[in-house]
Amino acid sequence: MKKALVKVAYPAASLFSLVALMFVSTASVWFVHQGDTPEELLR
């Protein structure tokens, strides 16, 4: 039972950390370019 839990926990943790990293980078970019429009950010 514990082995199966570990198999699920590792991908979930890595996925969560990846999403958190993307959110932090997006938030930092947004704070730096707070005056810009989203179209300018995508360029």
N, C-alpha and C. Protein backbone atom coordinates (compact mmCIF):
# COMPACT_ATOMS: atom_id res chain seq x y z
N MET A 1 0.84 -1.21 0.00
CA MET A 1 0.00 0.00 0.00
C MET A 1 0.87 1.26 0.00
N LYS A 2 1.91 1.26 0.83
CA LYS A 2 2.76 2.45 0.91
C LYS A 2 3.52 2.68 -0.38
N LYS A 3 3.93 1.58 -1.04
CA LYS A 3 4.68 1.73 -2.29
C LYS A 3 3.82 2.39 -3.36
N ALA A 4 2.55 2.00 -3.42
CA ALA A 4 1.64 2.61 -4.40
C ALA A 4 1.43 4.09 -4.08
N LEU A 5 1.34 4.39 -2.80
CA LEU A 5 1.15 5.78 -2.39
C LEU A 5 2.35 6.62 -2.79
N VAL A 6 3.55 6.05 -2.62
CA VAL A 6 4.77 6.77 -3.00
C VAL A 6 4.81 6.98 -4.51
N LYS A 7 4.39 5.97 -5.26
CA LYS A 7 4.38 6.09 -6.73
C LYS A 7 3.46 7.21 -7.18
N VAL A 8 2.37 7.43 -6.45
CA VAL A 8 1.45 8.51 -6.80
C VAL A 8 1.95 9.85 -6.27
N ALA A 9 2.58 9.81 -5.10
CA ALA A 9 2.98 11.05 -4.43
C ALA A 9 4.10 11.77 -5.18
N TYR A 10 5.07 11.02 -5.71
CA TYR A 10 6.20 11.67 -6.37
C TYR A 10 5.78 12.45 -7.62
N PRO A 11 5.02 11.86 -8.56
CA PRO A 11 4.58 12.64 -9.73
C PRO A 11 3.69 13.81 -9.34
N ALA A 12 2.84 13.62 -8.34
CA ALA A 12 1.96 14.70 -7.91
C ALA A 12 2.77 15.86 -7.34
N ALA A 13 3.80 15.55 -6.56
CA ALA A 13 4.64 16.59 -5.97
C ALA A 13 5.43 17.32 -7.04
N SER A 14 5.97 16.57 -8.01
CA SER A 14 6.75 17.20 -9.07
C SER A 14 5.84 18.07 -9.94
N LEU A 15 4.63 17.59 -10.21
CA LEU A 15 3.68 18.36 -11.00
C LEU A 15 3.29 19.63 -10.26
N PHE A 16 3.05 19.51 -8.95
CA PHE A 16 2.67 20.67 -8.15
C PHE A 16 3.80 21.70 -8.12
N SER A 17 5.05 21.22 -7.98
CA SER A 17 6.18 22.15 -7.95
C SER A 17 6.34 22.83 -9.30
N LEU A 18 6.09 22.10 -10.38
CA LEU A 18 6.18 22.68 -11.73
C LEU A 18 5.13 23.77 -11.90
N VAL A 19 3.91 23.50 -11.46
CA VAL A 19 2.84 24.50 -11.57
C VAL A 19 3.16 25.71 -10.70
N ALA A 20 3.68 25.47 -9.50
CA ALA A 20 4.04 26.57 -8.61
C ALA A 20 5.15 27.42 -9.23
N LEU A 21 6.13 26.78 -9.85
CA LEU A 21 7.22 27.50 -10.50
C LEU A 21 6.69 28.36 -11.65
N MET A 22 5.78 27.79 -12.44
CA MET A 22 5.20 28.55 -13.55
C MET A 22 4.39 29.73 -13.03
N PHE A 23 3.66 29.52 -11.95
CA PHE A 23 2.85 30.60 -11.37
C PHE A 23 3.74 31.73 -10.85
N VAL A 24 4.83 31.35 -10.17
CA VAL A 24 5.74 32.36 -9.61
C VAL A 24 6.41 33.16 -10.72
N SER A 25 6.85 32.46 -11.78
CA SER A 25 7.51 33.18 -12.88
C SER A 25 6.52 34.09 -13.60
N THR A 26 5.29 33.62 -13.79
CA THR A 26 4.27 34.44 -14.44
C THR A 26 3.94 35.66 -13.58
N ALA A 27 3.84 35.45 -12.27
CA ALA A 27 3.52 36.56 -11.37
C ALA A 27 4.65 37.58 -11.35
N SER A 28 5.90 37.12 -11.35
CA SER A 28 7.03 38.06 -11.33
C SER A 28 7.07 38.86 -12.62
N VAL A 29 6.81 38.20 -13.76
CA VAL A 29 6.78 38.91 -15.05
C VAL A 29 5.65 39.93 -15.04
N TRP A 30 4.50 39.56 -14.48
CA TRP A 30 3.36 40.46 -14.44
C TRP A 30 3.66 41.67 -13.57
N PHE A 31 4.34 41.46 -12.44
CA PHE A 31 4.66 42.57 -11.55
C PHE A 31 5.67 43.51 -12.19
N VAL A 32 6.61 42.95 -12.96
CA VAL A 32 7.62 43.79 -13.61
C VAL A 32 6.97 44.63 -14.70
N HIS A 33 6.06 44.02 -15.47
CA HIS A 33 5.40 44.71 -16.58
C HIS A 33 3.95 45.01 -16.22
N GLN A 34 3.75 45.62 -15.06
CA GLN A 34 2.38 45.82 -14.60
C GLN A 34 1.63 46.81 -15.50
N GLY A 35 2.35 47.76 -16.11
CA GLY A 35 1.69 48.75 -16.93
C GLY A 35 1.38 48.25 -18.34
N ASP A 36 2.02 47.16 -18.75
CA ASP A 36 1.86 46.67 -20.11
C ASP A 36 0.58 45.87 -20.27
N THR A 37 0.12 45.74 -21.51
CA THR A 37 -1.04 44.90 -21.80
C THR A 37 -0.57 43.47 -22.04
N PRO A 38 -1.45 42.48 -21.88
CA PRO A 38 -1.06 41.07 -22.12
C PRO A 38 -0.51 40.84 -23.52
N GLU A 39 -1.01 41.59 -24.51
CA GLU A 39 -0.51 41.42 -25.88
C GLU A 39 0.97 41.77 -25.96
N GLU A 40 1.38 42.82 -25.22
CA GLU A 40 2.79 43.21 -25.25
C GLU A 40 3.65 42.18 -24.52
N LEU A 41 3.08 41.54 -23.50
CA LEU A 41 3.84 40.53 -22.76
C LEU A 41 4.10 39.29 -23.62
N LEU A 42 3.15 38.96 -24.50
CA LEU A 42 3.29 37.74 -25.28
C LEU A 42 4.32 37.89 -26.39
N ARG A 43 4.62 39.13 -26.77
CA ARG A 43 5.58 39.33 -27.86
C ARG A 43 6.99 38.99 -27.45
